[in-house]
């Protein structure tokens, strides 16, 4: 939520379409983690949980700031 708030408050031209793109990119990375690794703090510890969340937020922000698919991934 904090990175999405940053996007809405501080990025010029931020709009609802960008929010949707942000959430879709973040969800795509989350799905990759769920399929190939773990998102459970109980299973891999809090570092794994926080790491996956940070990766999702970074992918979302990269997408709305105009990153390439390779950069988002």
PDB file of N, CA and C in Angstrom:
ATOM      1  N   UNK A   1       0.811  -1.216   0.000  1.00  0.00           N
ATOM      2  CA  UNK A   1       0.000   0.000   0.000  1.00  0.00           C
ATOM      3  C   UNK A   1       0.848   1.271   0.000  1.00  0.00           C
ATOM      4  N   UNK A   2       2.002   1.266   0.657  1.00  0.00           N
ATOM      5  CA  UNK A   2       2.816   2.482   0.744  1.00  0.00           C
ATOM      6  C   UNK A   2       3.377   2.872  -0.617  1.00  0.00           C
ATOM      7  N   UNK A   3       3.813   1.919  -1.400  1.00  0.00           N
ATOM      8  CA  UNK A   3       4.389   2.234  -2.708  1.00  0.00           C
ATOM      9  C   UNK A   3       3.292   2.710  -3.662  1.00  0.00           C
ATOM     10  N   UNK A   4       2.123   2.127  -3.572  1.00  0.00           N
ATOM     11  CA  UNK A   4       0.999   2.578  -4.389  1.00  0.00           C
ATOM     12  C   UNK A   4       0.578   3.989  -3.978  1.00  0.00           C
ATOM     13  N   UNK A   5       0.608   4.276  -2.691  1.00  0.00           N
ATOM     14  CA  UNK A   5       0.317   5.627  -2.198  1.00  0.00           C
ATOM     15  C   UNK A   5       1.356   6.611  -2.735  1.00  0.00           C
ATOM     16  N   UNK A   6       2.617   6.217  -2.715  1.00  0.00           N
ATOM     17  CA  UNK A   6       3.681   7.067  -3.271  1.00  0.00           C
ATOM     18  C   UNK A   6       3.382   7.380  -4.735  1.00  0.00           C
ATOM     19  N   UNK A   7       3.011   6.358  -5.494  1.00  0.00           N
ATOM     20  CA  UNK A   7       2.701   6.565  -6.913  1.00  0.00           C
ATOM     21  C   UNK A   7       1.585   7.593  -7.073  1.00  0.00           C
ATOM     22  N   UNK A   8       0.501   7.426  -6.334  1.00  0.00           N
ATOM     23  CA  UNK A   8      -0.646   8.326  -6.488  1.00  0.00           C
ATOM     24  C   UNK A   8      -0.332   9.750  -6.039  1.00  0.00           C
ATOM     25  N   UNK A   9       0.481   9.898  -5.017  1.00  0.00           N
ATOM     26  CA  UNK A   9       0.722  11.222  -4.444  1.00  0.00           C
ATOM     27  C   UNK A   9       1.857  11.988  -5.128  1.00  0.00           C
ATOM     28  N   UNK A  10       2.894  11.296  -5.555  1.00  0.00           N
ATOM     29  CA  UNK A  10       4.102  11.987  -5.998  1.00  0.00           C
ATOM     30  C   UNK A  10       4.465  11.828  -7.477  1.00  0.00           C
ATOM     31  N   UNK A  11       3.835  10.929  -8.192  1.00  0.00           N
ATOM     32  CA  UNK A  11       4.168  10.733  -9.605  1.00  0.00           C
ATOM     33  C   UNK A  11       3.222  11.574 -10.463  1.00  0.00           C
ATOM     34  N   UNK A  12       3.764  12.522 -11.216  1.00  0.00           N
ATOM     35  CA  UNK A  12       2.902  13.337 -12.080  1.00  0.00           C
ATOM     36  C   UNK A  12       2.188  12.460 -13.110  1.00  0.00           C
ATOM     37  N   UNK A  13       0.919  12.707 -13.298  1.00  0.00           N
ATOM     38  CA  UNK A  13       0.146  11.947 -14.270  1.00  0.00           C
ATOM     39  C   UNK A  13      -0.391  10.633 -13.747  1.00  0.00           C
ATOM     40  N   UNK A  14      -0.248  10.373 -12.459  1.00  0.00           N
ATOM     41  CA  UNK A  14      -0.775   9.130 -11.886  1.00  0.00           C
ATOM     42  C   UNK A  14      -2.290   9.115 -12.033  1.00  0.00           C
ATOM     43  N   UNK A  15      -2.829   7.959 -12.430  1.00  0.00           N
ATOM     44  CA  UNK A  15      -4.270   7.851 -12.610  1.00  0.00           C
ATOM     45  C   UNK A  15      -4.743   6.445 -12.260  1.00  0.00           C
ATOM     46  N   UNK A  16      -6.061   6.226 -12.396  1.00  0.00           N
ATOM     47  CA  UNK A  16      -6.634   4.928 -12.049  1.00  0.00           C
ATOM     48  C   UNK A  16      -6.137   3.817 -12.964  1.00  0.00           C
ATOM     49  N   UNK A  17      -5.877   4.133 -14.221  1.00  0.00           N
ATOM     50  CA  UNK A  17      -5.333   3.135 -15.137  1.00  0.00           C
ATOM     51  C   UNK A  17      -3.958   2.666 -14.659  1.00  0.00           C
ATOM     52  N   UNK A  18      -3.173   3.593 -14.153  1.00  0.00           N
ATOM     53  CA  UNK A  18      -1.872   3.240 -13.602  1.00  0.00           C
ATOM     54  C   UNK A  18      -1.992   2.352 -12.377  1.00  0.00           C
ATOM     55  N   UNK A  19      -2.999   2.614 -11.554  1.00  0.00           N
ATOM     56  CA  UNK A  19      -3.226   1.772 -10.372  1.00  0.00           C
ATOM     57  C   UNK A  19      -3.528   0.342 -10.801  1.00  0.00           C
ATOM     58  N   UNK A  20      -4.353   0.192 -11.820  1.00  0.00           N
ATOM     59  CA  UNK A  20      -4.678  -1.148 -12.320  1.00  0.00           C
ATOM     60  C   UNK A  20      -3.425  -1.832 -12.853  1.00  0.00           C
ATOM     61  N   UNK A  21      -2.623  -1.120 -13.637  1.00  0.00           N
ATOM     62  CA  UNK A  21      -1.375  -1.691 -14.167  1.00  0.00           C
ATOM     63  C   UNK A  21      -0.414  -2.065 -13.045  1.00  0.00           C
ATOM     64  N   UNK A  22      -0.322  -1.207 -12.026  1.00  0.00           N
ATOM     65  CA  UNK A  22       0.518  -1.476 -10.854  1.00  0.00           C
ATOM     66  C   UNK A  22       0.091  -2.795 -10.206  1.00  0.00           C
ATOM     67  N   UNK A  23      -1.203  -2.916  -9.937  1.00  0.00           N
ATOM     68  CA  UNK A  23      -1.703  -4.106  -9.247  1.00  0.00           C
ATOM     69  C   UNK A  23      -1.541  -5.367 -10.091  1.00  0.00           C
ATOM     70  N   UNK A  24      -1.745  -5.259 -11.395  1.00  0.00           N
ATOM     71  CA  UNK A  24      -1.571  -6.431 -12.257  1.00  0.00           C
ATOM     72  C   UNK A  24      -0.113  -6.885 -12.308  1.00  0.00           C
ATOM     73  N   UNK A  25       0.808  -5.950 -12.403  1.00  0.00           N
ATOM     74  CA  UNK A  25       2.231  -6.311 -12.422  1.00  0.00           C
ATOM     75  C   UNK A  25       2.643  -6.933 -11.093  1.00  0.00           C
ATOM     76  N   UNK A  26       2.193  -6.336  -9.996  1.00  0.00           N
ATOM     77  CA  UNK A  26       2.518  -6.880  -8.674  1.00  0.00           C
ATOM     78  C   UNK A  26       1.936  -8.282  -8.511  1.00  0.00           C
ATOM     79  N   UNK A  27       0.710  -8.472  -8.973  1.00  0.00           N
ATOM     80  CA  UNK A  27       0.076  -9.789  -8.870  1.00  0.00           C
ATOM     81  C   UNK A  27       0.810 -10.826  -9.704  1.00  0.00           C
ATOM     82  N   UNK A  28       1.275 -10.434 -10.885  1.00  0.00           N
ATOM     83  CA  UNK A  28       2.008 -11.376 -11.741  1.00  0.00           C
ATOM     84  C   UNK A  28       3.276 -11.868 -11.050  1.00  0.00           C
ATOM     85  N   UNK A  29       3.999 -10.964 -10.407  1.00  0.00           N
ATOM     86  CA  UNK A  29       5.208 -11.366  -9.680  1.00  0.00           C
ATOM     87  C   UNK A  29       4.833 -12.237  -8.483  1.00  0.00           C
ATOM     88  N   UNK A  30       3.756 -11.896  -7.808  1.00  0.00           N
ATOM     89  CA  UNK A  30       3.292 -12.713  -6.686  1.00  0.00           C
ATOM     90  C   UNK A  30       2.946 -14.129  -7.118  1.00  0.00           C
ATOM     91  N   UNK A  31       2.334 -14.260  -8.285  1.00  0.00           N
ATOM     92  CA  UNK A  31       2.002 -15.589  -8.806  1.00  0.00           C
ATOM     93  C   UNK A  31       3.274 -16.380  -9.100  1.00  0.00           C
ATOM     94  N   UNK A  32       4.291 -15.706  -9.654  1.00  0.00           N
ATOM     95  CA  UNK A  32       5.565 -16.395  -9.899  1.00  0.00           C
ATOM     96  C   UNK A  32       6.158 -16.927  -8.596  1.00  0.00           C
ATOM     97  N   UNK A  33       6.090 -16.125  -7.539  1.00  0.00           N
ATOM     98  CA  UNK A  33       6.582 -16.591  -6.240  1.00  0.00           C
ATOM     99  C   UNK A  33       5.762 -17.769  -5.740  1.00  0.00           C
ATOM    100  N   UNK A  34       4.453 -17.682  -5.859  1.00  0.00           N
ATOM    101  CA  UNK A  34       3.587 -18.745  -5.348  1.00  0.00           C
ATOM    102  C   UNK A  34       3.838 -20.061  -6.070  1.00  0.00           C
ATOM    103  N   UNK A  35       4.066 -19.986  -7.372  1.00  0.00           N
ATOM    104  CA  UNK A  35       4.286 -21.202  -8.158  1.00  0.00           C
ATOM    105  C   UNK A  35       5.690 -21.765  -7.940  1.00  0.00           C
ATOM    106  N   UNK A  36       6.699 -20.904  -7.914  1.00  0.00           N
ATOM    107  CA  UNK A  36       8.091 -21.363  -7.911  1.00  0.00           C
ATOM    108  C   UNK A  36       8.792 -21.315  -6.561  1.00  0.00           C
ATOM    109  N   UNK A  37       8.209 -20.660  -5.586  1.00  0.00           N
ATOM    110  CA  UNK A  37       8.874 -20.533  -4.283  1.00  0.00           C
ATOM    111  C   UNK A  37       7.803 -20.577  -3.197  1.00  0.00           C
ATOM    112  N   UNK A  38       7.885 -19.687  -2.261  1.00  0.00           N
ATOM    113  CA  UNK A  38       6.903 -19.635  -1.185  1.00  0.00           C
ATOM    114  C   UNK A  38       6.674 -18.189  -0.778  1.00  0.00           C
ATOM    115  N   UNK A  39       5.451 -17.897  -0.365  1.00  0.00           N
ATOM    116  CA  UNK A  39       5.125 -16.575   0.157  1.00  0.00           C
ATOM    117  C   UNK A  39       4.764 -16.663   1.636  1.00  0.00           C
ATOM    118  N   UNK A  40       4.989 -17.819   2.220  1.00  0.00           N
ATOM    119  CA  UNK A  40       4.602 -18.065   3.605  1.00  0.00           C
ATOM    120  C   UNK A  40       5.740 -17.745   4.565  1.00  0.00           C
ATOM    121  N   UNK A  41       5.477 -16.842   5.493  1.00  0.00           N
ATOM    122  CA  UNK A  41       6.465 -16.529   6.514  1.00  0.00           C
ATOM    123  C   UNK A  41       6.739 -17.725   7.410  1.00  0.00           C
ATOM    124  N   UNK A  42       5.724 -18.549   7.648  1.00  0.00           N
ATOM    125  CA  UNK A  42       5.893 -19.731   8.487  1.00  0.00           C
ATOM    126  C   UNK A  42       6.786 -20.770   7.809  1.00  0.00           C
ATOM    127  N   UNK A  43       6.767 -20.786   6.493  1.00  0.00           N
ATOM    128  CA  UNK A  43       7.533 -21.790   5.755  1.00  0.00           C
ATOM    129  C   UNK A  43       8.970 -21.353   5.479  1.00  0.00           C
ATOM    130  N   UNK A  44       9.174 -20.110   5.070  1.00  0.00           N
ATOM    131  CA  UNK A  44      10.515 -19.659   4.683  1.00  0.00           C
ATOM    132  C   UNK A  44      11.050 -18.532   5.555  1.00  0.00           C
ATOM    133  N   UNK A  45      10.307 -18.140   6.549  1.00  0.00           N
ATOM    134  CA  UNK A  45      10.753 -17.064   7.428  1.00  0.00           C
ATOM    135  C   UNK A  45      10.302 -15.706   6.929  1.00  0.00           C
ATOM    136  N   UNK A  46      10.456 -14.738   7.803  1.00  0.00           N
ATOM    137  CA  UNK A  46       9.949 -13.405   7.472  1.00  0.00           C
ATOM    138  C   UNK A  46      10.735 -12.755   6.343  1.00  0.00           C
ATOM    139  N   UNK A  47      12.001 -13.112   6.170  1.00  0.00           N
ATOM    140  CA  UNK A  47      12.767 -12.516   5.070  1.00  0.00           C
ATOM    141  C   UNK A  47      12.205 -12.926   3.715  1.00  0.00           C
ATOM    142  N   UNK A  48      11.769 -14.160   3.591  1.00  0.00           N
ATOM    143  CA  UNK A  48      11.150 -14.606   2.346  1.00  0.00           C
ATOM    144  C   UNK A  48       9.836 -13.908   2.092  1.00  0.00           C
ATOM    145  N   UNK A  49       9.072 -13.725   3.137  1.00  0.00           N
ATOM    146  CA  UNK A  49       7.775 -13.050   3.028  1.00  0.00           C
ATOM    147  C   UNK A  49       7.957 -11.582   2.641  1.00  0.00           C
ATOM    148  N   UNK A  50       8.857 -10.901   3.331  1.00  0.00           N
ATOM    149  CA  UNK A  50       9.107  -9.489   3.047  1.00  0.00           C
ATOM    150  C   UNK A  50       9.770  -9.333   1.681  1.00  0.00           C
ATOM    151  N   UNK A  51      10.657 -10.233   1.336  1.00  0.00           N
ATOM    152  CA  UNK A  51      11.317 -10.165   0.034  1.00  0.00           C
ATOM    153  C   UNK A  51      10.341 -10.292  -1.117  1.00  0.00           C
ATOM    154  N   UNK A  52       9.390 -11.208  -0.997  1.00  0.00           N
ATOM    155  CA  UNK A  52       8.405 -11.348  -2.071  1.00  0.00           C
ATOM    156  C   UNK A  52       7.508 -10.119  -2.142  1.00  0.00           C
ATOM    157  N   UNK A  53       7.137  -9.555  -1.002  1.00  0.00           N
ATOM    158  CA  UNK A  53       6.305  -8.347  -0.993  1.00  0.00           C
ATOM    159  C   UNK A  53       7.045  -7.162  -1.613  1.00  0.00           C
ATOM    160  N   UNK A  54       8.316  -7.019  -1.293  1.00  0.00           N
ATOM    161  CA  UNK A  54       9.113  -5.924  -1.874  1.00  0.00           C
ATOM    162  C   UNK A  54       9.266  -6.097  -3.378  1.00  0.00           C
ATOM    163  N   UNK A  55       9.443  -7.318  -3.823  1.00  0.00           N
ATOM    164  CA  UNK A  55       9.557  -7.583  -5.259  1.00  0.00           C
ATOM    165  C   UNK A  55       8.266  -7.235  -5.981  1.00  0.00           C
ATOM    166  N   UNK A  56       7.145  -7.553  -5.362  1.00  0.00           N
ATOM    167  CA  UNK A  56       5.853  -7.224  -5.961  1.00  0.00           C
ATOM    168  C   UNK A  56       5.679  -5.714  -6.075  1.00  0.00           C
ATOM    169  N   UNK A  57       6.023  -4.991  -5.012  1.00  0.00           N
ATOM    170  CA  UNK A  57       5.894  -3.530  -5.025  1.00  0.00           C
ATOM    171  C   UNK A  57       6.826  -2.910  -6.059  1.00  0.00           C
ATOM    172  N   UNK A  58       8.047  -3.425  -6.147  1.00  0.00           N
ATOM    173  CA  UNK A  58       9.010  -2.897  -7.119  1.00  0.00           C
ATOM    174  C   UNK A  58       8.534  -3.138  -8.548  1.00  0.00           C
ATOM    175  N   UNK A  59       7.965  -4.300  -8.803  1.00  0.00           N
ATOM    176  CA  UNK A  59       7.452  -4.592 -10.145  1.00  0.00           C
ATOM    177  C   UNK A  59       6.309  -3.654 -10.506  1.00  0.00           C
ATOM    178  N   UNK A  60       5.417  -3.418  -9.559  1.00  0.00           N
ATOM    179  CA  UNK A  60       4.302  -2.513  -9.819  1.00  0.00           C
ATOM    180  C   UNK A  60       4.769  -1.105 -10.115  1.00  0.00           C
ATOM    181  N   UNK A  61       5.697  -0.603  -9.315  1.00  0.00           N
ATOM    182  CA  UNK A  61       6.190   0.759  -9.524  1.00  0.00           C
ATOM    183  C   UNK A  61       6.962   0.862 -10.835  1.00  0.00           C
ATOM    184  N   UNK A  62       7.756  -0.136 -11.132  1.00  0.00           N
ATOM    185  CA  UNK A  62       8.509  -0.138 -12.390  1.00  0.00           C
ATOM    186  C   UNK A  62       7.548  -0.088 -13.579  1.00  0.00           C
ATOM    187  N   UNK A  63       6.475  -0.836 -13.502  1.00  0.00           N
ATOM    188  CA  UNK A  63       5.485  -0.853 -14.585  1.00  0.00           C
ATOM    189  C   UNK A  63       4.887   0.525 -14.826  1.00  0.00           C
ATOM    190  N   UNK A  64       4.442   1.185 -13.766  1.00  0.00           N
ATOM    191  CA  UNK A  64       3.770   2.478 -13.956  1.00  0.00           C
ATOM    192  C   UNK A  64       4.749   3.599 -14.286  1.00  0.00           C
ATOM    193  N   UNK A  65       6.027   3.401 -14.003  1.00  0.00           N
ATOM    194  CA  UNK A  65       7.021   4.416 -14.355  1.00  0.00           C
ATOM    195  C   UNK A  65       7.588   4.200 -15.755  1.00  0.00           C
ATOM    196  N   UNK A  66       7.060   3.205 -16.474  1.00  0.00           N
ATOM    197  CA  UNK A  66       7.458   3.007 -17.859  1.00  0.00           C
ATOM    198  C   UNK A  66       8.564   2.004 -18.077  1.00  0.00           C
ATOM    199  N   UNK A  67       8.782   1.122 -17.126  1.00  0.00           N
ATOM    200  CA  UNK A  67       9.823   0.112 -17.279  1.00  0.00           C
ATOM    201  C   UNK A  67       9.500  -0.887 -18.378  1.00  0.00           C
ATOM    202  N   UNK A  68      10.538  -1.481 -18.933  1.00  0.00           N
ATOM    203  CA  UNK A  68      10.350  -2.517 -19.951  1.00  0.00           C
ATOM    204  C   UNK A  68       9.896  -3.805 -19.266  1.00  0.00           C
ATOM    205  N   UNK A  69       9.339  -4.757 -20.029  1.00  0.00           N
ATOM    206  CA  UNK A  69       8.965  -6.031 -19.421  1.00  0.00           C
ATOM    207  C   UNK A  69      10.137  -6.721 -18.712  1.00  0.00           C
ATOM    208  N   UNK A  70      11.333  -6.601 -19.284  1.00  0.00           N
ATOM    209  CA  UNK A  70      12.505  -7.207 -18.650  1.00  0.00           C
ATOM    210  C   UNK A  70      12.804  -6.544 -17.306  1.00  0.00           C
ATOM    211  N   UNK A  71      12.634  -5.234 -17.236  1.00  0.00           N
ATOM    212  CA  UNK A  71      12.878  -4.531 -15.976  1.00  0.00           C
ATOM    213  C   UNK A  71      11.821  -4.883 -14.938  1.00  0.00           C
ATOM    214  N   UNK A  72      10.579  -4.999 -15.365  1.00  0.00           N
ATOM    215  CA  UNK A  72       9.501  -5.342 -14.437  1.00  0.00           C
ATOM    216  C   UNK A  72       9.713  -6.743 -13.890  1.00  0.00           C
ATOM    217  N   UNK A  73      10.124  -7.654 -14.753  1.00  0.00           N
ATOM    218  CA  UNK A  73      10.333  -9.037 -14.332  1.00  0.00           C
ATOM    219  C   UNK A  73      11.542  -9.139 -13.439  1.00  0.00           C
TER     220      UNK A  73
END
